[in-house]
């Protein structure tokens, strides 16, 4: 078995235990709080590959209802990014996508 797959199986099995405990602790509550797992890393370090494989493993092997979202999915749309840039010409951080303030927080909360 390739090393990557071994690591993914280890992550999946470890997370499955945490997820089970998380939901068992809420067994009497009418609304279940989601289990959120975050992964960070530099660009090009296989975060998407790792999370996609982890989600597949949790869904296939443990019958979880797991999704994957990325901060890239939460950027303001192009028109709003342009408005932000024009409204803040002296703020170098507002000139580029990915900086604080360039994400759609309403979308993130939904």
PDB file of N, CA and C in Angstrom:
ATOM      1  N   UNK A   1       0.853  -1.178   0.000  1.00  0.00           N
ATOM      2  CA  UNK A   1       0.000   0.000   0.000  1.00  0.00           C
ATOM      3  C   UNK A   1       0.900   1.243   0.000  1.00  0.00           C
ATOM      4  N   UNK A   2       0.627   2.203  -0.881  1.00  0.00           N
ATOM      5  CA  UNK A   2       1.439   3.414  -0.924  1.00  0.00           C
ATOM      6  C   UNK A   2       1.391   4.176   0.409  1.00  0.00           C
ATOM      7  N   UNK A   3       2.462   4.877   0.693  1.00  0.00           N
ATOM      8  CA  UNK A   3       2.575   5.610   1.956  1.00  0.00           C
ATOM      9  C   UNK A   3       1.437   6.611   2.116  1.00  0.00           C
ATOM     10  N   UNK A   4       1.090   7.329   1.034  1.00  0.00           N
ATOM     11  CA  UNK A   4       0.010   8.314   1.120  1.00  0.00           C
ATOM     12  C   UNK A   4      -1.282   7.656   1.584  1.00  0.00           C
ATOM     13  N   UNK A   5      -1.638   6.525   0.995  1.00  0.00           N
ATOM     14  CA  UNK A   5      -2.875   5.838   1.357  1.00  0.00           C
ATOM     15  C   UNK A   5      -2.829   5.355   2.801  1.00  0.00           C
ATOM     16  N   UNK A   6      -1.682   4.890   3.252  1.00  0.00           N
ATOM     17  CA  UNK A   6      -1.541   4.471   4.652  1.00  0.00           C
ATOM     18  C   UNK A   6      -1.802   5.642   5.589  1.00  0.00           C
ATOM     19  N   UNK A   7      -1.272   6.792   5.249  1.00  0.00           N
ATOM     20  CA  UNK A   7      -1.467   7.975   6.086  1.00  0.00           C
ATOM     21  C   UNK A   7      -2.927   8.407   6.086  1.00  0.00           C
ATOM     22  N   UNK A   8      -3.569   8.345   4.922  1.00  0.00           N
ATOM     23  CA  UNK A   8      -4.983   8.713   4.844  1.00  0.00           C
ATOM     24  C   UNK A   8      -5.816   7.757   5.691  1.00  0.00           C
ATOM     25  N   UNK A   9      -5.550   6.476   5.617  1.00  0.00           N
ATOM     26  CA  UNK A   9      -6.300   5.515   6.435  1.00  0.00           C
ATOM     27  C   UNK A   9      -6.106   5.792   7.918  1.00  0.00           C
ATOM     28  N   UNK A  10      -4.900   6.146   8.318  1.00  0.00           N
ATOM     29  CA  UNK A  10      -4.641   6.484   9.714  1.00  0.00           C
ATOM     30  C   UNK A  10      -5.457   7.711  10.123  1.00  0.00           C
ATOM     31  N   UNK A  11      -5.452   8.744   9.273  1.00  0.00           N
ATOM     32  CA  UNK A  11      -6.219   9.962   9.558  1.00  0.00           C
ATOM     33  C   UNK A  11      -7.704   9.643   9.632  1.00  0.00           C
ATOM     34  N   UNK A  12      -8.216   8.901   8.658  1.00  0.00           N
ATOM     35  CA  UNK A  12      -9.643   8.554   8.608  1.00  0.00           C
ATOM     36  C   UNK A  12     -10.052   7.788   9.863  1.00  0.00           C
ATOM     37  N   UNK A  13      -9.298   6.775  10.226  1.00  0.00           N
ATOM     38  CA  UNK A  13      -9.650   5.976  11.404  1.00  0.00           C
ATOM     39  C   UNK A  13      -9.554   6.793  12.686  1.00  0.00           C
ATOM     40  N   UNK A  14      -8.567   7.662  12.775  1.00  0.00           N
ATOM     41  CA  UNK A  14      -8.445   8.520  13.955  1.00  0.00           C
ATOM     42  C   UNK A  14      -9.610   9.493  14.041  1.00  0.00           C
ATOM     43  N   UNK A  15      -9.917  10.146  12.928  1.00  0.00           N
ATOM     44  CA  UNK A  15     -11.024  11.101  12.920  1.00  0.00           C
ATOM     45  C   UNK A  15     -12.354  10.426  13.213  1.00  0.00           C
ATOM     46  N   UNK A  16     -12.552   9.230  12.706  1.00  0.00           N
ATOM     47  CA  UNK A  16     -13.821   8.522  12.926  1.00  0.00           C
ATOM     48  C   UNK A  16     -14.092   8.363  14.417  1.00  0.00           C
ATOM     49  N   UNK A  17     -13.076   8.066  15.197  1.00  0.00           N
ATOM     50  CA  UNK A  17     -13.249   7.945  16.640  1.00  0.00           C
ATOM     51  C   UNK A  17     -13.648   9.262  17.281  1.00  0.00           C
ATOM     52  N   UNK A  18     -12.998  10.342  16.881  1.00  0.00           N
ATOM     53  CA  UNK A  18     -13.350  11.661  17.413  1.00  0.00           C
ATOM     54  C   UNK A  18     -14.769  12.052  17.010  1.00  0.00           C
ATOM     55  N   UNK A  19     -15.117  11.776  15.774  1.00  0.00           N
ATOM     56  CA  UNK A  19     -16.457  12.111  15.286  1.00  0.00           C
ATOM     57  C   UNK A  19     -17.517  11.331  16.055  1.00  0.00           C
ATOM     58  N   UNK A  20     -17.302  10.035  16.247  1.00  0.00           N
ATOM     59  CA  UNK A  20     -18.258   9.220  17.011  1.00  0.00           C
ATOM     60  C   UNK A  20     -18.453   9.782  18.413  1.00  0.00           C
ATOM     61  N   UNK A  21     -17.362  10.098  19.097  1.00  0.00           N
ATOM     62  CA  UNK A  21     -17.466  10.648  20.457  1.00  0.00           C
ATOM     63  C   UNK A  21     -18.172  12.001  20.449  1.00  0.00           C
ATOM     64  N   UNK A  22     -17.891  12.802  19.455  1.00  0.00           N
ATOM     65  CA  UNK A  22     -18.517  14.121  19.343  1.00  0.00           C
ATOM     66  C   UNK A  22     -20.040  13.988  19.270  1.00  0.00           C
ATOM     67  N   UNK A  23     -20.518  13.099  18.413  1.00  0.00           N
ATOM     68  CA  UNK A  23     -21.962  12.967  18.242  1.00  0.00           C
ATOM     69  C   UNK A  23     -22.618  12.185  19.374  1.00  0.00           C
ATOM     70  N   UNK A  24     -21.929  11.227  19.957  1.00  0.00           N
ATOM     71  CA  UNK A  24     -22.490  10.522  21.114  1.00  0.00           C
ATOM     72  C   UNK A  24     -22.685  11.475  22.279  1.00  0.00           C
ATOM     73  N   UNK A  25     -21.816  12.456  22.408  1.00  0.00           N
ATOM     74  CA  UNK A  25     -21.946  13.457  23.461  1.00  0.00           C
ATOM     75  C   UNK A  25     -23.139  14.373  23.266  1.00  0.00           C
ATOM     76  N   UNK A  26     -23.740  14.333  22.104  1.00  0.00           N
ATOM     77  CA  UNK A  26     -24.906  15.164  21.796  1.00  0.00           C
ATOM     78  C   UNK A  26     -26.162  14.322  21.601  1.00  0.00           C
ATOM     79  N   UNK A  27     -26.135  13.108  22.069  1.00  0.00           N
ATOM     80  CA  UNK A  27     -27.225  12.173  21.759  1.00  0.00           C
ATOM     81  C   UNK A  27     -28.586  12.643  22.246  1.00  0.00           C
ATOM     82  N   UNK A  28     -28.636  13.493  23.249  1.00  0.00           N
ATOM     83  CA  UNK A  28     -29.938  13.931  23.764  1.00  0.00           C
ATOM     84  C   UNK A  28     -30.328  15.316  23.268  1.00  0.00           C
ATOM     85  N   UNK A  29     -29.504  15.939  22.462  1.00  0.00           N
ATOM     86  CA  UNK A  29     -29.836  17.272  21.971  1.00  0.00           C
ATOM     87  C   UNK A  29     -30.584  17.174  20.646  1.00  0.00           C
ATOM     88  N   UNK A  30     -31.598  18.029  20.459  1.00  0.00           N
ATOM     89  CA  UNK A  30     -32.383  17.952  19.223  1.00  0.00           C
ATOM     90  C   UNK A  30     -31.596  18.400  17.985  1.00  0.00           C
ATOM     91  N   UNK A  31     -30.701  19.352  18.142  1.00  0.00           N
ATOM     92  CA  UNK A  31     -29.914  19.848  17.021  1.00  0.00           C
ATOM     93  C   UNK A  31     -28.457  19.482  17.241  1.00  0.00           C
ATOM     94  N   UNK A  32     -27.909  18.761  16.320  1.00  0.00           N
ATOM     95  CA  UNK A  32     -26.522  18.312  16.437  1.00  0.00           C
ATOM     96  C   UNK A  32     -25.571  19.381  15.885  1.00  0.00           C
ATOM     97  N   UNK A  33     -24.517  19.649  16.634  1.00  0.00           N
ATOM     98  CA  UNK A  33     -23.484  20.560  16.157  1.00  0.00           C
ATOM     99  C   UNK A  33     -22.528  19.770  15.267  1.00  0.00           C
ATOM    100  N   UNK A  34     -22.103  20.349  14.153  1.00  0.00           N
ATOM    101  CA  UNK A  34     -21.200  19.614  13.256  1.00  0.00           C
ATOM    102  C   UNK A  34     -19.821  19.441  13.882  1.00  0.00           C
ATOM    103  N   UNK A  35     -19.141  18.424  13.453  1.00  0.00           N
ATOM    104  CA  UNK A  35     -17.742  18.221  13.813  1.00  0.00           C
ATOM    105  C   UNK A  35     -16.925  18.911  12.731  1.00  0.00           C
ATOM    106  N   UNK A  36     -16.076  19.829  13.125  1.00  0.00           N
ATOM    107  CA  UNK A  36     -15.280  20.576  12.152  1.00  0.00           C
ATOM    108  C   UNK A  36     -13.809  20.246  12.358  1.00  0.00           C
ATOM    109  N   UNK A  37     -13.180  19.847  11.286  1.00  0.00           N
ATOM    110  CA  UNK A  37     -11.756  19.516  11.282  1.00  0.00           C
ATOM    111  C   UNK A  37     -11.073  20.433  10.283  1.00  0.00           C
ATOM    112  N   UNK A  38     -10.043  21.118  10.700  1.00  0.00           N
ATOM    113  CA  UNK A  38      -9.339  22.040   9.818  1.00  0.00           C
ATOM    114  C   UNK A  38      -7.953  21.541   9.457  1.00  0.00           C
ATOM    115  N   UNK A  39      -7.530  21.889   8.271  1.00  0.00           N
ATOM    116  CA  UNK A  39      -6.198  21.531   7.801  1.00  0.00           C
ATOM    117  C   UNK A  39      -5.575  22.773   7.174  1.00  0.00           C
ATOM    118  N   UNK A  40      -4.374  23.112   7.602  1.00  0.00           N
ATOM    119  CA  UNK A  40      -3.687  24.269   7.041  1.00  0.00           C
ATOM    120  C   UNK A  40      -2.355  23.840   6.447  1.00  0.00           C
ATOM    121  N   UNK A  41      -1.850  24.664   5.581  1.00  0.00           N
ATOM    122  CA  UNK A  41      -0.546  24.396   4.995  1.00  0.00           C
ATOM    123  C   UNK A  41      -0.257  25.376   3.878  1.00  0.00           C
ATOM    124  N   UNK A  42       0.973  25.413   3.461  1.00  0.00           N
ATOM    125  CA  UNK A  42       1.381  26.297   2.379  1.00  0.00           C
ATOM    126  C   UNK A  42       0.789  25.843   1.050  1.00  0.00           C
ATOM    127  N   UNK A  43       0.804  26.748   0.079  1.00  0.00           N
ATOM    128  CA  UNK A  43       0.314  26.411  -1.250  1.00  0.00           C
ATOM    129  C   UNK A  43       1.100  25.236  -1.816  1.00  0.00           C
ATOM    130  N   UNK A  44       0.381  24.363  -2.505  1.00  0.00           N
ATOM    131  CA  UNK A  44       1.030  23.248  -3.183  1.00  0.00           C
ATOM    132  C   UNK A  44       1.472  22.116  -2.276  1.00  0.00           C
ATOM    133  N   UNK A  45       0.940  22.055  -1.083  1.00  0.00           N
ATOM    134  CA  UNK A  45       1.344  21.014  -0.130  1.00  0.00           C
ATOM    135  C   UNK A  45       0.333  19.879  -0.037  1.00  0.00           C
ATOM    136  N   UNK A  46      -0.552  19.773  -1.000  1.00  0.00           N
ATOM    137  CA  UNK A  46      -1.514  18.659  -1.125  1.00  0.00           C
ATOM    138  C   UNK A  46      -2.646  18.687  -0.114  1.00  0.00           C
ATOM    139  N   UNK A  47      -3.016  19.889   0.342  1.00  0.00           N
ATOM    140  CA  UNK A  47      -4.144  19.987   1.271  1.00  0.00           C
ATOM    141  C   UNK A  47      -5.428  19.474   0.627  1.00  0.00           C
ATOM    142  N   UNK A  48      -5.698  19.894  -0.595  1.00  0.00           N
ATOM    143  CA  UNK A  48      -6.925  19.456  -1.271  1.00  0.00           C
ATOM    144  C   UNK A  48      -6.907  17.959  -1.527  1.00  0.00           C
ATOM    145  N   UNK A  49      -5.780  17.435  -1.959  1.00  0.00           N
ATOM    146  CA  UNK A  49      -5.657  15.995  -2.200  1.00  0.00           C
ATOM    147  C   UNK A  49      -5.901  15.222  -0.913  1.00  0.00           C
ATOM    148  N   UNK A  50      -5.309  15.684   0.167  1.00  0.00           N
ATOM    149  CA  UNK A  50      -5.457  15.015   1.464  1.00  0.00           C
ATOM    150  C   UNK A  50      -6.900  15.092   1.968  1.00  0.00           C
ATOM    151  N   UNK A  51      -7.505  16.279   1.892  1.00  0.00           N
ATOM    152  CA  UNK A  51      -8.872  16.397   2.403  1.00  0.00           C
ATOM    153  C   UNK A  51      -9.865  15.640   1.527  1.00  0.00           C
ATOM    154  N   UNK A  52      -9.675  15.653   0.218  1.00  0.00           N
ATOM    155  CA  UNK A  52     -10.576  14.886  -0.654  1.00  0.00           C
ATOM    156  C   UNK A  52     -10.504  13.396  -0.339  1.00  0.00           C
ATOM    157  N   UNK A  53      -9.297  12.882  -0.137  1.00  0.00           N
ATOM    158  CA  UNK A  53      -9.138  11.458   0.196  1.00  0.00           C
ATOM    159  C   UNK A  53      -9.708  11.150   1.579  1.00  0.00           C
ATOM    160  N   UNK A  54      -9.559  12.074   2.515  1.00  0.00           N
ATOM    161  CA  UNK A  54     -10.098  11.875   3.866  1.00  0.00           C
ATOM    162  C   UNK A  54     -11.619  11.852   3.837  1.00  0.00           C
ATOM    163  N   UNK A  55     -12.220  12.788   3.119  1.00  0.00           N
ATOM    164  CA  UNK A  55     -13.685  12.820   2.997  1.00  0.00           C
ATOM    165  C   UNK A  55     -14.186  11.530   2.362  1.00  0.00           C
ATOM    166  N   UNK A  56     -13.540  11.094   1.299  1.00  0.00           N
ATOM    167  CA  UNK A  56     -13.947   9.842   0.642  1.00  0.00           C
ATOM    168  C   UNK A  56     -13.841   8.673   1.608  1.00  0.00           C
ATOM    169  N   UNK A  57     -12.753   8.601   2.358  1.00  0.00           N
ATOM    170  CA  UNK A  57     -12.581   7.512   3.320  1.00  0.00           C
ATOM    171  C   UNK A  57     -13.625   7.533   4.421  1.00  0.00           C
ATOM    172  N   UNK A  58     -13.920   8.717   4.951  1.00  0.00           N
ATOM    173  CA  UNK A  58     -14.936   8.812   6.007  1.00  0.00           C
ATOM    174  C   UNK A  58     -16.309   8.429   5.472  1.00  0.00           C
ATOM    175  N   UNK A  59     -16.637   8.880   4.281  1.00  0.00           N
ATOM    176  CA  UNK A  59     -17.946   8.562   3.705  1.00  0.00           C
ATOM    177  C   UNK A  59     -18.057   7.094   3.308  1.00  0.00           C
ATOM    178  N   UNK A  60     -17.023   6.546   2.687  1.00  0.00           N
ATOM    179  CA  UNK A  60     -17.069   5.159   2.209  1.00  0.00           C
ATOM    180  C   UNK A  60     -16.938   4.147   3.339  1.00  0.00           C
ATOM    181  N   UNK A  61     -15.951   4.331   4.175  1.00  0.00           N
ATOM    182  CA  UNK A  61     -15.641   3.332   5.195  1.00  0.00           C
ATOM    183  C   UNK A  61     -16.486   3.480   6.457  1.00  0.00           C
ATOM    184  N   UNK A  62     -16.782   4.707   6.837  1.00  0.00           N
ATOM    185  CA  UNK A  62     -17.472   4.947   8.110  1.00  0.00           C
ATOM    186  C   UNK A  62     -18.887   5.485   7.923  1.00  0.00           C
ATOM    187  N   UNK A  63     -19.345   5.562   6.688  1.00  0.00           N
ATOM    188  CA  UNK A  63     -20.706   6.007   6.371  1.00  0.00           C
ATOM    189  C   UNK A  63     -21.011   7.375   6.973  1.00  0.00           C
ATOM    190  N   UNK A  64     -20.008   8.232   6.984  1.00  0.00           N
ATOM    191  CA  UNK A  64     -20.183   9.596   7.485  1.00  0.00           C
ATOM    192  C   UNK A  64     -20.855  10.451   6.425  1.00  0.00           C
ATOM    193  N   UNK A  65     -21.407  11.543   6.863  1.00  0.00           N
ATOM    194  CA  UNK A  65     -21.966  12.541   5.954  1.00  0.00           C
ATOM    195  C   UNK A  65     -20.989  13.715   5.982  1.00  0.00           C
ATOM    196  N   UNK A  66     -19.895  13.569   5.264  1.00  0.00           N
ATOM    197  CA  UNK A  66     -18.772  14.490   5.354  1.00  0.00           C
ATOM    198  C   UNK A  66     -18.646  15.318   4.089  1.00  0.00           C
ATOM    199  N   UNK A  67     -18.343  16.598   4.262  1.00  0.00           N
ATOM    200  CA  UNK A  67     -18.081  17.474   3.118  1.00  0.00           C
ATOM    201  C   UNK A  67     -16.733  18.160   3.320  1.00  0.00           C
ATOM    202  N   UNK A  68     -16.245  18.740   2.257  1.00  0.00           N
ATOM    203  CA  UNK A  68     -14.976  19.450   2.268  1.00  0.00           C
ATOM    204  C   UNK A  68     -15.222  20.839   1.709  1.00  0.00           C
ATOM    205  N   UNK A  69     -14.852  21.860   2.461  1.00  0.00           N
ATOM    206  CA  UNK A  69     -14.876  23.208   1.902  1.00  0.00           C
ATOM    207  C   UNK A  69     -13.491  23.810   2.081  1.00  0.00           C
ATOM    208  N   UNK A  70     -13.180  24.728   1.226  1.00  0.00           N
ATOM    209  CA  UNK A  70     -11.893  25.404   1.242  1.00  0.00           C
ATOM    210  C   UNK A  70     -12.135  26.897   1.397  1.00  0.00           C
ATOM    211  N   UNK A  71     -11.194  27.594   1.992  1.00  0.00           N
ATOM    212  CA  UNK A  71     -11.307  29.052   2.029  1.00  0.00           C
ATOM    213  C   UNK A  71     -11.411  29.616   0.618  1.00  0.00           C
ATOM    214  N   UNK A  72     -10.848  28.916  -0.352  1.00  0.00           N
ATOM    215  CA  UNK A  72     -10.958  29.352  -1.745  1.00  0.00           C
ATOM    216  C   UNK A  72     -12.413  29.401  -2.205  1.00  0.00           C
ATOM    217  N   UNK A  73     -13.274  28.596  -1.579  1.00  0.00           N
ATOM    218  CA  UNK A  73     -14.694  28.571  -1.938  1.00  0.00           C
ATOM    219  C   UNK A  73     -15.442  29.779  -1.388  1.00  0.00           C
ATOM    220  N   UNK A  74     -14.802  30.539  -0.502  1.00  0.00           N
ATOM    221  CA  UNK A  74     -15.493  31.597   0.227  1.00  0.00           C
ATOM    222  C   UNK A  74     -15.037  33.006  -0.132  1.00  0.00           C
ATOM    223  N   UNK A  75     -14.285  33.156  -1.207  1.00  0.00           N
ATOM    224  CA  UNK A  75     -13.869  34.496  -1.604  1.00  0.00           C
ATOM    225  C   UNK A  75     -15.071  35.312  -2.036  1.00  0.00           C
ATOM    226  N   UNK A  76     -14.976  36.620  -1.828  1.00  0.00           N
ATOM    227  CA  UNK A  76     -15.958  37.515  -2.420  1.00  0.00           C
ATOM    228  C   UNK A  76     -15.943  37.294  -3.930  1.00  0.00           C
ATOM    229  N   UNK A  77     -17.085  37.546  -4.577  1.00  0.00           N
ATOM    230  CA  UNK A  77     -17.081  37.393  -6.030  1.00  0.00           C
ATOM    231  C   UNK A  77     -16.257  38.524  -6.660  1.00  0.00           C
ATOM    232  N   UNK A  78     -15.993  38.402  -7.929  1.00  0.00           N
ATOM    233  CA  UNK A  78     -15.089  39.335  -8.609  1.00  0.00           C
ATOM    234  C   UNK A  78     -15.533  40.786  -8.440  1.00  0.00           C
ATOM    235  N   UNK A  79     -16.823  41.064  -8.664  1.00  0.00           N
ATOM    236  CA  UNK A  79     -17.308  42.441  -8.568  1.00  0.00           C
ATOM    237  C   UNK A  79     -17.099  43.011  -7.169  1.00  0.00           C
ATOM    238  N   UNK A  80     -17.353  42.201  -6.138  1.00  0.00           N
ATOM    239  CA  UNK A  80     -17.157  42.674  -4.767  1.00  0.00           C
ATOM    240  C   UNK A  80     -15.678  42.857  -4.437  1.00  0.00           C
ATOM    241  N   UNK A  81     -14.822  42.008  -4.988  1.00  0.00           N
ATOM    242  CA  UNK A  81     -13.380  42.191  -4.792  1.00  0.00           C
ATOM    243  C   UNK A  81     -12.903  43.496  -5.433  1.00  0.00           C
ATOM    244  N   UNK A  82     -13.431  43.820  -6.610  1.00  0.00           N
ATOM    245  CA  UNK A  82     -13.069  45.077  -7.277  1.00  0.00           C
ATOM    246  C   UNK A  82     -13.549  46.258  -6.439  1.00  0.00           C
ATOM    247  N   UNK A  83     -14.780  46.197  -5.922  1.00  0.00           N
ATOM    248  CA  UNK A  83     -15.304  47.275  -5.066  1.00  0.00           C
ATOM    249  C   UNK A  83     -14.424  47.460  -3.836  1.00  0.00           C
ATOM    250  N   UNK A  84     -14.039  46.358  -3.207  1.00  0.00           N
ATOM    251  CA  UNK A  84     -13.176  46.418  -2.027  1.00  0.00           C
ATOM    252  C   UNK A  84     -11.837  47.071  -2.380  1.00  0.00           C
ATOM    253  N   UNK A  85     -11.279  46.675  -3.493  1.00  0.00           N
ATOM    254  CA  UNK A  85     -10.000  47.224  -3.954  1.00  0.00           C
ATOM    255  C   UNK A  85     -10.108  48.731  -4.196  1.00  0.00           C
ATOM    256  N   UNK A  86     -11.171  49.149  -4.872  1.00  0.00           N
ATOM    257  CA  UNK A  86     -11.346  50.568  -5.190  1.00  0.00           C
ATOM    258  C   UNK A  86     -11.647  51.397  -3.946  1.00  0.00           C
ATOM    259  N   UNK A  87     -12.358  50.813  -2.990  1.00  0.00           N
ATOM    260  CA  UNK A  87     -12.699  51.529  -1.755  1.00  0.00           C
ATOM    261  C   UNK A  87     -11.510  51.658  -0.811  1.00  0.00           C
ATOM    262  N   UNK A  88     -10.471  50.873  -1.040  1.00  0.00           N
ATOM    263  CA  UNK A  88      -9.298  50.861  -0.160  1.00  0.00           C
ATOM    264  C   UNK A  88      -8.005  50.943  -0.969  1.00  0.00           C
ATOM    265  N   UNK A  89      -7.822  52.014  -1.743  1.00  0.00           N
ATOM    266  CA  UNK A  89      -6.657  52.071  -2.632  1.00  0.00           C
ATOM    267  C   UNK A  89      -5.312  52.104  -1.899  1.00  0.00           C
ATOM    268  N   UNK A  90      -5.312  52.569  -0.663  1.00  0.00           N
ATOM    269  CA  UNK A  90      -4.055  52.650   0.089  1.00  0.00           C
ATOM    270  C   UNK A  90      -3.768  51.399   0.908  1.00  0.00           C
ATOM    271  N   UNK A  91      -4.705  50.469   0.920  1.00  0.00           N
ATOM    272  CA  UNK A  91      -4.520  49.232   1.687  1.00  0.00           C
ATOM    273  C   UNK A  91      -4.017  48.151   0.729  1.00  0.00           C
ATOM    274  N   UNK A  92      -2.729  47.855   0.823  1.00  0.00           N
ATOM    275  CA  UNK A  92      -2.144  46.872  -0.097  1.00  0.00           C
ATOM    276  C   UNK A  92      -2.765  45.486   0.080  1.00  0.00           C
ATOM    277  N   UNK A  93      -3.204  45.163   1.295  1.00  0.00           N
ATOM    278  CA  UNK A  93      -3.803  43.846   1.522  1.00  0.00           C
ATOM    279  C   UNK A  93      -5.144  43.704   0.807  1.00  0.00           C
ATOM    280  N   UNK A  94      -5.862  44.805   0.643  1.00  0.00           N
ATOM    281  CA  UNK A  94      -7.173  44.753  -0.015  1.00  0.00           C
ATOM    282  C   UNK A  94      -7.052  44.660  -1.530  1.00  0.00           C
ATOM    283  N   UNK A  95      -5.853  44.692  -2.041  1.00  0.00           N
ATOM    284  CA  UNK A  95      -5.660  44.669  -3.488  1.00  0.00           C
ATOM    285  C   UNK A  95      -5.603  43.256  -4.058  1.00  0.00           C
ATOM    286  N   UNK A  96      -5.509  42.269  -3.175  1.00  0.00           N
ATOM    287  CA  UNK A  96      -5.330  40.892  -3.635  1.00  0.00           C
ATOM    288  C   UNK A  96      -6.283  39.944  -2.922  1.00  0.00           C
ATOM    289  N   UNK A  97      -6.745  38.973  -3.629  1.00  0.00           N
ATOM    290  CA  UNK A  97      -7.596  37.922  -3.089  1.00  0.00           C
ATOM    291  C   UNK A  97      -6.804  37.111  -2.059  1.00  0.00           C
ATOM    292  N   UNK A  98      -7.493  36.643  -1.028  1.00  0.00           N
ATOM    293  CA  UNK A  98      -6.865  35.763  -0.052  1.00  0.00           C
ATOM    294  C   UNK A  98      -6.484  36.443   1.240  1.00  0.00           C
ATOM    295  N   UNK A  99      -6.474  37.749   1.229  1.00  0.00           N
ATOM    296  CA  UNK A  99      -6.115  38.487   2.435  1.00  0.00           C
ATOM    297  C   UNK A  99      -7.335  38.630   3.344  1.00  0.00           C
ATOM    298  N   UNK A 100      -7.124  38.933   4.626  1.00  0.00           N
ATOM    299  CA  UNK A 100      -8.260  39.178   5.519  1.00  0.00           C
ATOM    300  C   UNK A 100      -9.173  40.248   4.914  1.00  0.00           C
ATOM    301  N   UNK A 101     -10.466  39.997   4.974  1.00  0.00           N
ATOM    302  CA  UNK A 101     -11.441  40.926   4.422  1.00  0.00           C
ATOM    303  C   UNK A 101     -11.863  40.611   3.004  1.00  0.00           C
ATOM    304  N   UNK A 102     -11.241  39.628   2.366  1.00  0.00           N
ATOM    305  CA  UNK A 102     -11.595  39.303   0.980  1.00  0.00           C
ATOM    306  C   UNK A 102     -12.467  38.057   0.883  1.00  0.00           C
ATOM    307  N   UNK A 103     -12.945  37.581   2.016  1.00  0.00           N
ATOM    308  CA  UNK A 103     -13.825  36.412   2.031  1.00  0.00           C
ATOM    309  C   UNK A 103     -15.262  36.844   2.314  1.00  0.00           C
ATOM    310  N   UNK A 104     -16.202  36.112   1.796  1.00  0.00           N
ATOM    311  CA  UNK A 104     -17.628  36.363   1.986  1.00  0.00           C
ATOM    312  C   UNK A 104     -18.043  35.737   3.316  1.00  0.00           C
ATOM    313  N   UNK A 105     -18.062  36.542   4.367  1.00  0.00           N
ATOM    314  CA  UNK A 105     -18.338  36.018   5.705  1.00  0.00           C
ATOM    315  C   UNK A 105     -19.781  35.541   5.854  1.00  0.00           C
ATOM    316  N   UNK A 106     -20.705  36.176   5.158  1.00  0.00           N
ATOM    317  CA  UNK A 106     -22.098  35.715   5.210  1.00  0.00           C
ATOM    318  C   UNK A 106     -22.212  34.302   4.632  1.00  0.00           C
ATOM    319  N   UNK A 107     -21.545  34.075   3.528  1.00  0.00           N
ATOM    320  CA  UNK A 107     -21.531  32.738   2.933  1.00  0.00           C
ATOM    321  C   UNK A 107     -20.869  31.740   3.883  1.00  0.00           C
ATOM    322  N   UNK A 108     -19.789  32.143   4.512  1.00  0.00           N
ATOM    323  CA  UNK A 108     -19.078  31.248   5.433  1.00  0.00           C
ATOM    324  C   UNK A 108     -19.952  30.851   6.619  1.00  0.00           C
ATOM    325  N   UNK A 109     -20.774  31.757   7.094  1.00  0.00           N
ATOM    326  CA  UNK A 109     -21.634  31.465   8.256  1.00  0.00           C
ATOM    327  C   UNK A 109     -22.847  30.612   7.890  1.00  0.00           C
ATOM    328  N   UNK A 110     -23.206  30.580   6.618  1.00  0.00           N
ATOM    329  CA  UNK A 110     -24.431  29.862   6.220  1.00  0.00           C
ATOM    330  C   UNK A 110     -24.219  28.369   6.127  1.00  0.00           C
TER     331      UNK A 110
END
